[in-house]
């Protein structure tokens, strides 16, 4: 079985964009059926967005489990992905270097992992 990409990354939100992040997260939740369709093309088995405010800075964390050879969101023709990328550009601080957390242990039961193809 080919390896899975298990990632958790932290991204800083631009100052003053909390309301726009609220709108972004609501958009994703409101369009979940369309979002889930795009995940199949990406071979994205799990994707979760977490939010944190720490020391006056706001961050979004992406946790994902992705199979090999998935389509990149940047090349997607799905409208929901194009809107998602517009929110990303508006909200994520490009001057902050993405922080990827290093996975130490990946615990996925065999019956579930065998379905991730």
PDB file of N, CA and C in Angstrom:
ATOM      1  N   UNK A   1       0.847  -1.188   0.000  1.00  0.00           N
ATOM      2  CA  UNK A   1       0.000   0.000   0.000  1.00  0.00           C
ATOM      3  C   UNK A   1       0.888   1.245   0.000  1.00  0.00           C
ATOM      4  N   UNK A   2       0.537   2.198  -0.852  1.00  0.00           N
ATOM      5  CA  UNK A   2       1.309   3.430  -0.936  1.00  0.00           C
ATOM      6  C   UNK A   2       1.105   4.252   0.345  1.00  0.00           C
ATOM      7  N   UNK A   3       2.119   5.035   0.699  1.00  0.00           N
ATOM      8  CA  UNK A   3       2.022   5.793   1.949  1.00  0.00           C
ATOM      9  C   UNK A   3       0.978   6.904   1.883  1.00  0.00           C
ATOM     10  N   UNK A   4       0.422   7.193   3.023  1.00  0.00           N
ATOM     11  CA  UNK A   4      -0.522   8.303   3.171  1.00  0.00           C
ATOM     12  C   UNK A   4       0.246   9.534   3.627  1.00  0.00           C
ATOM     13  N   UNK A   5      -0.191  10.694   3.208  1.00  0.00           N
ATOM     14  CA  UNK A   5       0.366  11.947   3.702  1.00  0.00           C
ATOM     15  C   UNK A   5      -0.508  12.397   4.864  1.00  0.00           C
ATOM     16  N   UNK A   6       0.057  12.361   6.064  1.00  0.00           N
ATOM     17  CA  UNK A   6      -0.654  12.808   7.261  1.00  0.00           C
ATOM     18  C   UNK A   6       0.004  14.118   7.689  1.00  0.00           C
ATOM     19  N   UNK A   7      -0.774  15.199   7.647  1.00  0.00           N
ATOM     20  CA  UNK A   7      -0.202  16.518   7.898  1.00  0.00           C
ATOM     21  C   UNK A   7      -1.067  17.336   8.852  1.00  0.00           C
ATOM     22  N   UNK A   8      -0.378  18.199   9.574  1.00  0.00           N
ATOM     23  CA  UNK A   8      -1.038  19.228  10.367  1.00  0.00           C
ATOM     24  C   UNK A   8      -0.191  20.486  10.219  1.00  0.00           C
ATOM     25  N   UNK A   9      -0.791  21.505   9.625  1.00  0.00           N
ATOM     26  CA  UNK A   9      -0.064  22.748   9.393  1.00  0.00           C
ATOM     27  C   UNK A   9      -0.766  23.928  10.016  1.00  0.00           C
ATOM     28  N   UNK A  10       0.041  24.915  10.411  1.00  0.00           N
ATOM     29  CA  UNK A  10      -0.488  26.120  11.044  1.00  0.00           C
ATOM     30  C   UNK A  10      -0.227  27.313  10.140  1.00  0.00           C
ATOM     31  N   UNK A  11      -1.257  28.144   9.968  1.00  0.00           N
ATOM     32  CA  UNK A  11      -1.197  29.321   9.119  1.00  0.00           C
ATOM     33  C   UNK A  11      -1.754  30.510   9.900  1.00  0.00           C
ATOM     34  N   UNK A  12      -1.090  31.656   9.793  1.00  0.00           N
ATOM     35  CA  UNK A  12      -1.556  32.841  10.512  1.00  0.00           C
ATOM     36  C   UNK A  12      -2.568  33.608   9.672  1.00  0.00           C
ATOM     37  N   UNK A  13      -3.607  34.066  10.348  1.00  0.00           N
ATOM     38  CA  UNK A  13      -4.646  34.878   9.721  1.00  0.00           C
ATOM     39  C   UNK A  13      -4.179  36.328   9.701  1.00  0.00           C
ATOM     40  N   UNK A  14      -4.438  37.019   8.593  1.00  0.00           N
ATOM     41  CA  UNK A  14      -4.107  38.431   8.497  1.00  0.00           C
ATOM     42  C   UNK A  14      -4.873  39.218   9.557  1.00  0.00           C
ATOM     43  N   UNK A  15      -4.244  40.252  10.080  1.00  0.00           N
ATOM     44  CA  UNK A  15      -4.896  41.121  11.072  1.00  0.00           C
ATOM     45  C   UNK A  15      -6.200  41.690  10.499  1.00  0.00           C
ATOM     46  N   UNK A  16      -7.223  41.692  11.333  1.00  0.00           N
ATOM     47  CA  UNK A  16      -8.496  42.285  10.954  1.00  0.00           C
ATOM     48  C   UNK A  16      -9.372  41.408  10.067  1.00  0.00           C
ATOM     49  N   UNK A  17      -8.980  40.151   9.879  1.00  0.00           N
ATOM     50  CA  UNK A  17      -9.726  39.288   8.966  1.00  0.00           C
ATOM     51  C   UNK A  17     -10.557  38.218   9.675  1.00  0.00           C
ATOM     52  N   UNK A  18     -10.752  38.339  10.978  1.00  0.00           N
ATOM     53  CA  UNK A  18     -11.521  37.337  11.723  1.00  0.00           C
ATOM     54  C   UNK A  18     -12.944  37.187  11.198  1.00  0.00           C
ATOM     55  N   UNK A  19     -13.588  38.299  10.874  1.00  0.00           N
ATOM     56  CA  UNK A  19     -14.958  38.221  10.343  1.00  0.00           C
ATOM     57  C   UNK A  19     -14.974  37.506   8.998  1.00  0.00           C
ATOM     58  N   UNK A  20     -13.943  37.741   8.193  1.00  0.00           N
ATOM     59  CA  UNK A  20     -13.847  37.079   6.887  1.00  0.00           C
ATOM     60  C   UNK A  20     -13.598  35.580   7.078  1.00  0.00           C
ATOM     61  N   UNK A  21     -12.815  35.214   8.095  1.00  0.00           N
ATOM     62  CA  UNK A  21     -12.606  33.797   8.409  1.00  0.00           C
ATOM     63  C   UNK A  21     -13.926  33.167   8.847  1.00  0.00           C
ATOM     64  N   UNK A  22     -14.703  33.890   9.657  1.00  0.00           N
ATOM     65  CA  UNK A  22     -16.039  33.392  10.038  1.00  0.00           C
ATOM     66  C   UNK A  22     -16.859  33.087   8.778  1.00  0.00           C
ATOM     67  N   UNK A  23     -16.838  34.005   7.837  1.00  0.00           N
ATOM     68  CA  UNK A  23     -17.584  33.844   6.585  1.00  0.00           C
ATOM     69  C   UNK A  23     -17.063  32.628   5.797  1.00  0.00           C
ATOM     70  N   UNK A  24     -15.745  32.472   5.767  1.00  0.00           N
ATOM     71  CA  UNK A  24     -15.105  31.360   5.059  1.00  0.00           C
ATOM     72  C   UNK A  24     -15.527  30.015   5.645  1.00  0.00           C
ATOM     73  N   UNK A  25     -15.425  29.906   6.969  1.00  0.00           N
ATOM     74  CA  UNK A  25     -15.778  28.647   7.615  1.00  0.00           C
ATOM     75  C   UNK A  25     -17.269  28.342   7.440  1.00  0.00           C
ATOM     76  N   UNK A  26     -18.100  29.388   7.496  1.00  0.00           N
ATOM     77  CA  UNK A  26     -19.542  29.203   7.269  1.00  0.00           C
ATOM     78  C   UNK A  26     -19.803  28.754   5.840  1.00  0.00           C
ATOM     79  N   UNK A  27     -19.088  29.343   4.889  1.00  0.00           N
ATOM     80  CA  UNK A  27     -19.231  28.940   3.490  1.00  0.00           C
ATOM     81  C   UNK A  27     -18.920  27.448   3.328  1.00  0.00           C
ATOM     82  N   UNK A  28     -17.806  26.993   3.900  1.00  0.00           N
ATOM     83  CA  UNK A  28     -17.445  25.580   3.781  1.00  0.00           C
ATOM     84  C   UNK A  28     -18.508  24.682   4.417  1.00  0.00           C
ATOM     85  N   UNK A  29     -18.975  25.057   5.586  1.00  0.00           N
ATOM     86  CA  UNK A  29     -20.019  24.268   6.250  1.00  0.00           C
ATOM     87  C   UNK A  29     -21.331  24.274   5.461  1.00  0.00           C
ATOM     88  N   UNK A  30     -21.681  25.424   4.904  1.00  0.00           N
ATOM     89  CA  UNK A  30     -22.930  25.529   4.144  1.00  0.00           C
ATOM     90  C   UNK A  30     -22.888  24.779   2.817  1.00  0.00           C
ATOM     91  N   UNK A  31     -21.691  24.546   2.290  1.00  0.00           N
ATOM     92  CA  UNK A  31     -21.522  23.886   0.991  1.00  0.00           C
ATOM     93  C   UNK A  31     -20.813  22.544   1.137  1.00  0.00           C
ATOM     94  N   UNK A  32     -21.056  21.877   2.257  1.00  0.00           N
ATOM     95  CA  UNK A  32     -20.328  20.648   2.570  1.00  0.00           C
ATOM     96  C   UNK A  32     -20.513  19.567   1.504  1.00  0.00           C
ATOM     97  N   UNK A  33     -21.691  19.451   0.927  1.00  0.00           N
ATOM     98  CA  UNK A  33     -21.896  18.426  -0.112  1.00  0.00           C
ATOM     99  C   UNK A  33     -20.935  18.646  -1.279  1.00  0.00           C
ATOM    100  N   UNK A  34     -20.763  19.887  -1.694  1.00  0.00           N
ATOM    101  CA  UNK A  34     -19.835  20.207  -2.785  1.00  0.00           C
ATOM    102  C   UNK A  34     -18.387  20.032  -2.349  1.00  0.00           C
ATOM    103  N   UNK A  35     -18.090  20.425  -1.118  1.00  0.00           N
ATOM    104  CA  UNK A  35     -16.735  20.261  -0.581  1.00  0.00           C
ATOM    105  C   UNK A  35     -16.343  18.788  -0.595  1.00  0.00           C
ATOM    106  N   UNK A  36     -17.238  17.933  -0.138  1.00  0.00           N
ATOM    107  CA  UNK A  36     -16.928  16.503  -0.068  1.00  0.00           C
ATOM    108  C   UNK A  36     -16.683  15.916  -1.456  1.00  0.00           C
ATOM    109  N   UNK A  37     -17.355  16.433  -2.471  1.00  0.00           N
ATOM    110  CA  UNK A  37     -17.113  15.968  -3.837  1.00  0.00           C
ATOM    111  C   UNK A  37     -15.685  16.288  -4.285  1.00  0.00           C
ATOM    112  N   UNK A  38     -15.183  17.447  -3.909  1.00  0.00           N
ATOM    113  CA  UNK A  38     -13.831  17.829  -4.329  1.00  0.00           C
ATOM    114  C   UNK A  38     -12.770  16.982  -3.631  1.00  0.00           C
ATOM    115  N   UNK A  39     -13.073  16.531  -2.421  1.00  0.00           N
ATOM    116  CA  UNK A  39     -12.091  15.733  -1.681  1.00  0.00           C
ATOM    117  C   UNK A  39     -11.776  14.429  -2.395  1.00  0.00           C
ATOM    118  N   UNK A  40     -12.749  13.868  -3.087  1.00  0.00           N
ATOM    119  CA  UNK A  40     -12.506  12.625  -3.829  1.00  0.00           C
ATOM    120  C   UNK A  40     -11.424  12.828  -4.882  1.00  0.00           C
ATOM    121  N   UNK A  41     -11.482  13.936  -5.622  1.00  0.00           N
ATOM    122  CA  UNK A  41     -10.468  14.225  -6.642  1.00  0.00           C
ATOM    123  C   UNK A  41      -9.083  14.412  -6.026  1.00  0.00           C
ATOM    124  N   UNK A  42      -9.055  14.952  -4.823  1.00  0.00           N
ATOM    125  CA  UNK A  42      -7.791  15.218  -4.132  1.00  0.00           C
ATOM    126  C   UNK A  42      -7.249  13.981  -3.417  1.00  0.00           C
ATOM    127  N   UNK A  43      -8.036  12.900  -3.412  1.00  0.00           N
ATOM    128  CA  UNK A  43      -7.720  11.712  -2.613  1.00  0.00           C
ATOM    129  C   UNK A  43      -7.498  12.107  -1.151  1.00  0.00           C
ATOM    130  N   UNK A  44      -8.316  13.055  -0.716  1.00  0.00           N
ATOM    131  CA  UNK A  44      -8.272  13.563   0.652  1.00  0.00           C
ATOM    132  C   UNK A  44      -9.278  12.768   1.468  1.00  0.00           C
ATOM    133  N   UNK A  45      -8.773  11.949   2.378  1.00  0.00           N
ATOM    134  CA  UNK A  45      -9.643  11.086   3.170  1.00  0.00           C
ATOM    135  C   UNK A  45     -10.183  11.791   4.402  1.00  0.00           C
ATOM    136  N   UNK A  46      -9.387  12.681   4.961  1.00  0.00           N
ATOM    137  CA  UNK A  46      -9.786  13.449   6.140  1.00  0.00           C
ATOM    138  C   UNK A  46      -9.195  14.839   5.984  1.00  0.00           C
ATOM    139  N   UNK A  47     -10.007  15.838   6.212  1.00  0.00           N
ATOM    140  CA  UNK A  47      -9.497  17.210   6.263  1.00  0.00           C
ATOM    141  C   UNK A  47     -10.308  17.948   7.313  1.00  0.00           C
ATOM    142  N   UNK A  48      -9.609  18.526   8.258  1.00  0.00           N
ATOM    143  CA  UNK A  48     -10.243  19.241   9.361  1.00  0.00           C
ATOM    144  C   UNK A  48      -9.517  20.562   9.551  1.00  0.00           C
ATOM    145  N   UNK A  49     -10.279  21.635   9.771  1.00  0.00           N
ATOM    146  CA  UNK A  49      -9.697  22.948  10.023  1.00  0.00           C
ATOM    147  C   UNK A  49      -9.976  23.310  11.478  1.00  0.00           C
ATOM    148  N   UNK A  50      -8.908  23.668  12.188  1.00  0.00           N
ATOM    149  CA  UNK A  50      -9.014  24.127  13.573  1.00  0.00           C
ATOM    150  C   UNK A  50      -8.657  25.606  13.604  1.00  0.00           C
ATOM    151  N   UNK A  51      -9.148  26.283  14.622  1.00  0.00           N
ATOM    152  CA  UNK A  51      -8.917  27.723  14.765  1.00  0.00           C
ATOM    153  C   UNK A  51      -8.427  28.007  16.175  1.00  0.00           C
ATOM    154  N   UNK A  52      -7.467  28.944  16.279  1.00  0.00           N
ATOM    155  CA  UNK A  52      -6.910  29.289  17.586  1.00  0.00           C
ATOM    156  C   UNK A  52      -6.503  30.757  17.592  1.00  0.00           C
ATOM    157  N   UNK A  53      -6.705  31.400  18.725  1.00  0.00           N
ATOM    158  CA  UNK A  53      -6.144  32.725  18.973  1.00  0.00           C
ATOM    159  C   UNK A  53      -5.161  32.549  20.119  1.00  0.00           C
ATOM    160  N   UNK A  54      -3.912  32.940  19.865  1.00  0.00           N
ATOM    161  CA  UNK A  54      -2.848  32.776  20.858  1.00  0.00           C
ATOM    162  C   UNK A  54      -1.973  34.023  20.836  1.00  0.00           C
ATOM    163  N   UNK A  55      -1.783  34.612  22.012  1.00  0.00           N
ATOM    164  CA  UNK A  55      -0.959  35.813  22.144  1.00  0.00           C
ATOM    165  C   UNK A  55      -1.375  36.911  21.166  1.00  0.00           C
ATOM    166  N   UNK A  56      -2.685  37.055  20.975  1.00  0.00           N
ATOM    167  CA  UNK A  56      -3.208  38.113  20.120  1.00  0.00           C
ATOM    168  C   UNK A  56      -3.160  37.823  18.630  1.00  0.00           C
ATOM    169  N   UNK A  57      -2.679  36.662  18.249  1.00  0.00           N
ATOM    170  CA  UNK A  57      -2.614  36.271  16.837  1.00  0.00           C
ATOM    171  C   UNK A  57      -3.617  35.148  16.587  1.00  0.00           C
ATOM    172  N   UNK A  58      -4.247  35.188  15.422  1.00  0.00           N
ATOM    173  CA  UNK A  58      -5.205  34.154  15.061  1.00  0.00           C
ATOM    174  C   UNK A  58      -4.557  33.199  14.062  1.00  0.00           C
ATOM    175  N   UNK A  59      -4.806  31.904  14.254  1.00  0.00           N
ATOM    176  CA  UNK A  59      -4.230  30.870  13.396  1.00  0.00           C
ATOM    177  C   UNK A  59      -5.313  29.892  12.962  1.00  0.00           C
ATOM    178  N   UNK A  60      -5.113  29.331  11.775  1.00  0.00           N
ATOM    179  CA  UNK A  60      -5.898  28.202  11.315  1.00  0.00           C
ATOM    180  C   UNK A  60      -4.947  27.029  11.145  1.00  0.00           C
ATOM    181  N   UNK A  61      -5.403  25.868  11.578  1.00  0.00           N
ATOM    182  CA  UNK A  61      -4.629  24.633  11.445  1.00  0.00           C
ATOM    183  C   UNK A  61      -5.387  23.709  10.500  1.00  0.00           C
ATOM    184  N   UNK A  62      -4.678  23.116   9.566  1.00  0.00           N
ATOM    185  CA  UNK A  62      -5.254  22.111   8.675  1.00  0.00           C
ATOM    186  C   UNK A  62      -4.669  20.761   9.054  1.00  0.00           C
ATOM    187  N   UNK A  63      -5.550  19.829   9.391  1.00  0.00           N
ATOM    188  CA  UNK A  63      -5.151  18.442   9.629  1.00  0.00           C
ATOM    189  C   UNK A  63      -5.718  17.627   8.472  1.00  0.00           C
ATOM    190  N   UNK A  64      -4.867  16.807   7.858  1.00  0.00           N
ATOM    191  CA  UNK A  64      -5.361  16.041   6.720  1.00  0.00           C
ATOM    192  C   UNK A  64      -4.674  14.688   6.614  1.00  0.00           C
ATOM    193  N   UNK A  65      -5.405  13.776   6.005  1.00  0.00           N
ATOM    194  CA  UNK A  65      -4.878  12.478   5.602  1.00  0.00           C
ATOM    195  C   UNK A  65      -5.212  12.350   4.128  1.00  0.00           C
ATOM    196  N   UNK A  66      -4.168  12.234   3.309  1.00  0.00           N
ATOM    197  CA  UNK A  66      -4.351  12.249   1.865  1.00  0.00           C
ATOM    198  C   UNK A  66      -3.602  11.090   1.230  1.00  0.00           C
ATOM    199  N   UNK A  67      -4.222  10.488   0.247  1.00  0.00           N
ATOM    200  CA  UNK A  67      -3.591   9.426  -0.518  1.00  0.00           C
ATOM    201  C   UNK A  67      -2.682  10.007  -1.586  1.00  0.00           C
ATOM    202  N   UNK A  68      -1.888   9.155  -2.219  1.00  0.00           N
ATOM    203  CA  UNK A  68      -0.961   9.623  -3.256  1.00  0.00           C
ATOM    204  C   UNK A  68      -1.687  10.005  -4.549  1.00  0.00           C
ATOM    205  N   UNK A  69      -1.069  10.913  -5.277  1.00  0.00           N
ATOM    206  CA  UNK A  69      -1.517  11.297  -6.624  1.00  0.00           C
ATOM    207  C   UNK A  69      -2.878  11.979  -6.665  1.00  0.00           C
ATOM    208  N   UNK A  70      -3.212  12.682  -5.617  1.00  0.00           N
ATOM    209  CA  UNK A  70      -4.458  13.445  -5.623  1.00  0.00           C
ATOM    210  C   UNK A  70      -4.297  14.759  -6.362  1.00  0.00           C
ATOM    211  N   UNK A  71      -5.400  15.287  -6.853  1.00  0.00           N
ATOM    212  CA  UNK A  71      -5.382  16.572  -7.540  1.00  0.00           C
ATOM    213  C   UNK A  71      -5.139  17.694  -6.530  1.00  0.00           C
ATOM    214  N   UNK A  72      -4.322  18.645  -6.884  1.00  0.00           N
ATOM    215  CA  UNK A  72      -4.086  19.809  -6.028  1.00  0.00           C
ATOM    216  C   UNK A  72      -5.300  20.734  -6.087  1.00  0.00           C
ATOM    217  N   UNK A  73      -5.642  21.303  -4.959  1.00  0.00           N
ATOM    218  CA  UNK A  73      -6.798  22.206  -4.911  1.00  0.00           C
ATOM    219  C   UNK A  73      -6.600  23.374  -5.881  1.00  0.00           C
ATOM    220  N   UNK A  74      -5.357  23.781  -6.085  1.00  0.00           N
ATOM    221  CA  UNK A  74      -5.067  24.920  -6.975  1.00  0.00           C
ATOM    222  C   UNK A  74      -5.401  24.625  -8.438  1.00  0.00           C
ATOM    223  N   UNK A  75      -5.480  23.359  -8.812  1.00  0.00           N
ATOM    224  CA  UNK A  75      -5.793  23.005 -10.204  1.00  0.00           C
ATOM    225  C   UNK A  75      -7.235  22.526 -10.368  1.00  0.00           C
ATOM    226  N   UNK A  76      -8.004  22.611  -9.317  1.00  0.00           N
ATOM    227  CA  UNK A  76      -9.390  22.140  -9.348  1.00  0.00           C
ATOM    228  C   UNK A  76     -10.268  23.064 -10.188  1.00  0.00           C
ATOM    229  N   UNK A  77     -11.218  22.457 -10.886  1.00  0.00           N
ATOM    230  CA  UNK A  77     -12.212  23.222 -11.635  1.00  0.00           C
ATOM    231  C   UNK A  77     -13.513  23.402 -10.861  1.00  0.00           C
ATOM    232  N   UNK A  78     -13.581  22.828  -9.664  1.00  0.00           N
ATOM    233  CA  UNK A  78     -14.791  22.948  -8.848  1.00  0.00           C
ATOM    234  C   UNK A  78     -14.945  24.388  -8.353  1.00  0.00           C
ATOM    235  N   UNK A  79     -16.143  24.936  -8.496  1.00  0.00           N
ATOM    236  CA  UNK A  79     -16.396  26.313  -8.069  1.00  0.00           C
ATOM    237  C   UNK A  79     -16.124  26.497  -6.570  1.00  0.00           C
ATOM    238  N   UNK A  80     -16.500  25.505  -5.775  1.00  0.00           N
ATOM    239  CA  UNK A  80     -16.300  25.620  -4.329  1.00  0.00           C
ATOM    240  C   UNK A  80     -14.808  25.749  -3.996  1.00  0.00           C
ATOM    241  N   UNK A  81     -13.949  25.076  -4.764  1.00  0.00           N
ATOM    242  CA  UNK A  81     -12.502  25.198  -4.539  1.00  0.00           C
ATOM    243  C   UNK A  81     -11.991  26.572  -4.942  1.00  0.00           C
ATOM    244  N   UNK A  82     -12.522  27.123  -6.021  1.00  0.00           N
ATOM    245  CA  UNK A  82     -12.106  28.456  -6.459  1.00  0.00           C
ATOM    246  C   UNK A  82     -12.477  29.504  -5.399  1.00  0.00           C
ATOM    247  N   UNK A  83     -13.663  29.376  -4.824  1.00  0.00           N
ATOM    248  CA  UNK A  83     -14.091  30.298  -3.767  1.00  0.00           C
ATOM    249  C   UNK A  83     -13.238  30.096  -2.523  1.00  0.00           C
ATOM    250  N   UNK A  84     -12.956  28.847  -2.186  1.00  0.00           N
ATOM    251  CA  UNK A  84     -12.090  28.526  -1.043  1.00  0.00           C
ATOM    252  C   UNK A  84     -10.726  29.203  -1.208  1.00  0.00           C
ATOM    253  N   UNK A  85     -10.149  29.136  -2.388  1.00  0.00           N
ATOM    254  CA  UNK A  85      -8.845  29.758  -2.639  1.00  0.00           C
ATOM    255  C   UNK A  85      -8.921  31.283  -2.558  1.00  0.00           C
ATOM    256  N   UNK A  86     -10.042  31.861  -2.951  1.00  0.00           N
ATOM    257  CA  UNK A  86     -10.219  33.316  -2.815  1.00  0.00           C
ATOM    258  C   UNK A  86     -10.224  33.718  -1.345  1.00  0.00           C
ATOM    259  N   UNK A  87     -10.927  32.924  -0.514  1.00  0.00           N
ATOM    260  CA  UNK A  87     -10.900  33.190   0.927  1.00  0.00           C
ATOM    261  C   UNK A  87      -9.484  33.056   1.460  1.00  0.00           C
ATOM    262  N   UNK A  88      -8.778  32.016   1.016  1.00  0.00           N
ATOM    263  CA  UNK A  88      -7.389  31.792   1.459  1.00  0.00           C
ATOM    264  C   UNK A  88      -6.551  33.041   1.175  1.00  0.00           C
ATOM    265  N   UNK A  89      -6.608  33.529  -0.044  1.00  0.00           N
ATOM    266  CA  UNK A  89      -5.826  34.712  -0.420  1.00  0.00           C
ATOM    267  C   UNK A  89      -6.188  35.923   0.441  1.00  0.00           C
ATOM    268  N   UNK A  90      -7.465  36.073   0.734  1.00  0.00           N
ATOM    269  CA  UNK A  90      -7.922  37.216   1.514  1.00  0.00           C
ATOM    270  C   UNK A  90      -7.525  37.113   2.986  1.00  0.00           C
ATOM    271  N   UNK A  91      -7.467  35.888   3.521  1.00  0.00           N
ATOM    272  CA  UNK A  91      -7.356  35.704   4.968  1.00  0.00           C
ATOM    273  C   UNK A  91      -5.997  35.242   5.484  1.00  0.00           C
ATOM    274  N   UNK A  92      -5.253  34.480   4.715  1.00  0.00           N
ATOM    275  CA  UNK A  92      -4.013  33.882   5.218  1.00  0.00           C
ATOM    276  C   UNK A  92      -2.830  34.802   4.958  1.00  0.00           C
ATOM    277  N   UNK A  93      -2.043  35.039   5.991  1.00  0.00           N
ATOM    278  CA  UNK A  93      -0.889  35.935   5.938  1.00  0.00           C
ATOM    279  C   UNK A  93       0.259  35.261   5.179  1.00  0.00           C
ATOM    280  N   UNK A  94       0.596  35.754   3.982  1.00  0.00           N
ATOM    281  CA  UNK A  94       1.658  35.118   3.205  1.00  0.00           C
ATOM    282  C   UNK A  94       3.056  35.365   3.761  1.00  0.00           C
ATOM    283  N   UNK A  95       3.187  36.315   4.704  1.00  0.00           N
ATOM    284  CA  UNK A  95       4.514  36.581   5.278  1.00  0.00           C
ATOM    285  C   UNK A  95       4.863  35.612   6.402  1.00  0.00           C
ATOM    286  N   UNK A  96       3.879  34.844   6.854  1.00  0.00           N
ATOM    287  CA  UNK A  96       4.092  33.869   7.924  1.00  0.00           C
ATOM    288  C   UNK A  96       4.450  32.535   7.295  1.00  0.00           C
ATOM    289  N   UNK A  97       5.612  32.024   7.654  1.00  0.00           N
ATOM    290  CA  UNK A  97       6.035  30.740   7.107  1.00  0.00           C
ATOM    291  C   UNK A  97       5.177  29.637   7.704  1.00  0.00           C
ATOM    292  N   UNK A  98       4.564  28.855   6.810  1.00  0.00           N
ATOM    293  CA  UNK A  98       3.731  27.731   7.241  1.00  0.00           C
ATOM    294  C   UNK A  98       4.510  26.862   8.217  1.00  0.00           C
ATOM    295  N   UNK A  99       3.854  26.490   9.293  1.00  0.00           N
ATOM    296  CA  UNK A  99       4.466  25.601  10.277  1.00  0.00           C
ATOM    297  C   UNK A  99       3.812  24.234  10.174  1.00  0.00           C
ATOM    298  N   UNK A 100       4.584  23.249   9.721  1.00  0.00           N
ATOM    299  CA  UNK A 100       4.086  21.878   9.658  1.00  0.00           C
ATOM    300  C   UNK A 100       4.532  21.139  10.900  1.00  0.00           C
ATOM    301  N   UNK A 101       3.591  20.511  11.571  1.00  0.00           N
ATOM    302  CA  UNK A 101       3.907  19.702  12.735  1.00  0.00           C
ATOM    303  C   UNK A 101       4.312  18.316  12.251  1.00  0.00           C
ATOM    304  N   UNK A 102       5.299  17.738  12.884  1.00  0.00           N
ATOM    305  CA  UNK A 102       5.807  16.428  12.460  1.00  0.00           C
ATOM    306  C   UNK A 102       5.026  15.311  13.153  1.00  0.00           C
ATOM    307  N   UNK A 103       4.355  14.455  12.382  1.00  0.00           N
ATOM    308  CA  UNK A 103       3.627  13.349  13.019  1.00  0.00           C
ATOM    309  C   UNK A 103       4.610  12.379  13.658  1.00  0.00           C
ATOM    310  N   UNK A 104       4.267  11.919  14.833  1.00  0.00           N
ATOM    311  CA  UNK A 104       5.110  10.976  15.555  1.00  0.00           C
ATOM    312  C   UNK A 104       4.538   9.571  15.529  1.00  0.00           C
ATOM    313  N   UNK A 105       3.226   9.481  15.593  1.00  0.00           N
ATOM    314  CA  UNK A 105       2.541   8.194  15.558  1.00  0.00           C
ATOM    315  C   UNK A 105       1.255   8.400  14.760  1.00  0.00           C
ATOM    316  N   UNK A 106       1.010   7.537  13.799  1.00  0.00           N
ATOM    317  CA  UNK A 106      -0.223   7.590  13.014  1.00  0.00           C
ATOM    318  C   UNK A 106      -1.024   6.341  13.354  1.00  0.00           C
ATOM    319  N   UNK A 107      -2.180   6.535  13.938  1.00  0.00           N
ATOM    320  CA  UNK A 107      -3.006   5.417  14.380  1.00  0.00           C
ATOM    321  C   UNK A 107      -4.273   5.359  13.547  1.00  0.00           C
ATOM    322  N   UNK A 108      -4.279   4.484  12.566  1.00  0.00           N
ATOM    323  CA  UNK A 108      -5.446   4.257  11.719  1.00  0.00           C
ATOM    324  C   UNK A 108      -5.686   2.750  11.706  1.00  0.00           C
ATOM    325  N   UNK A 109      -6.808   2.293  12.231  1.00  0.00           N
ATOM    326  CA  UNK A 109      -7.075   0.852  12.237  1.00  0.00           C
ATOM    327  C   UNK A 109      -7.019   0.267  10.822  1.00  0.00           C
ATOM    328  N   UNK A 110      -6.524  -0.960  10.720  1.00  0.00           N
ATOM    329  CA  UNK A 110      -6.358  -1.617   9.423  1.00  0.00           C
ATOM    330  C   UNK A 110      -7.632  -1.633   8.582  1.00  0.00           C
ATOM    331  N   UNK A 111      -8.807  -1.918   9.151  1.00  0.00           N
ATOM    332  CA  UNK A 111     -10.012  -1.924   8.311  1.00  0.00           C
ATOM    333  C   UNK A 111     -10.295  -0.563   7.664  1.00  0.00           C
ATOM    334  N   UNK A 112      -9.982   0.514   8.356  1.00  0.00           N
ATOM    335  CA  UNK A 112     -10.192   1.848   7.806  1.00  0.00           C
ATOM    336  C   UNK A 112      -9.085   2.166   6.805  1.00  0.00           C
ATOM    337  N   UNK A 113      -7.837   1.907   7.181  1.00  0.00           N
ATOM    338  CA  UNK A 113      -6.700   2.193   6.297  1.00  0.00           C
ATOM    339  C   UNK A 113      -6.837   1.440   4.971  1.00  0.00           C
ATOM    340  N   UNK A 114      -7.343   0.224   4.999  1.00  0.00           N
ATOM    341  CA  UNK A 114      -7.483  -0.562   3.774  1.00  0.00           C
ATOM    342  C   UNK A 114      -8.477   0.057   2.805  1.00  0.00           C
ATOM    343  N   UNK A 115      -9.355   0.930   3.301  1.00  0.00           N
ATOM    344  CA  UNK A 115     -10.317   1.610   2.441  1.00  0.00           C
ATOM    345  C   UNK A 115      -9.753   2.891   1.831  1.00  0.00           C
ATOM    346  N   UNK A 116      -8.581   3.309   2.285  1.00  0.00           N
ATOM    347  CA  UNK A 116      -7.937   4.529   1.794  1.00  0.00           C
ATOM    348  C   UNK A 116      -7.047   4.166   0.613  1.00  0.00           C
ATOM    349  N   UNK A 117      -7.637   4.155  -0.573  1.00  0.00           N
ATOM    350  CA  UNK A 117      -6.931   3.744  -1.783  1.00  0.00           C
ATOM    351  C   UNK A 117      -6.860   4.871  -2.781  1.00  0.00           C
TER     352      UNK A 117
END
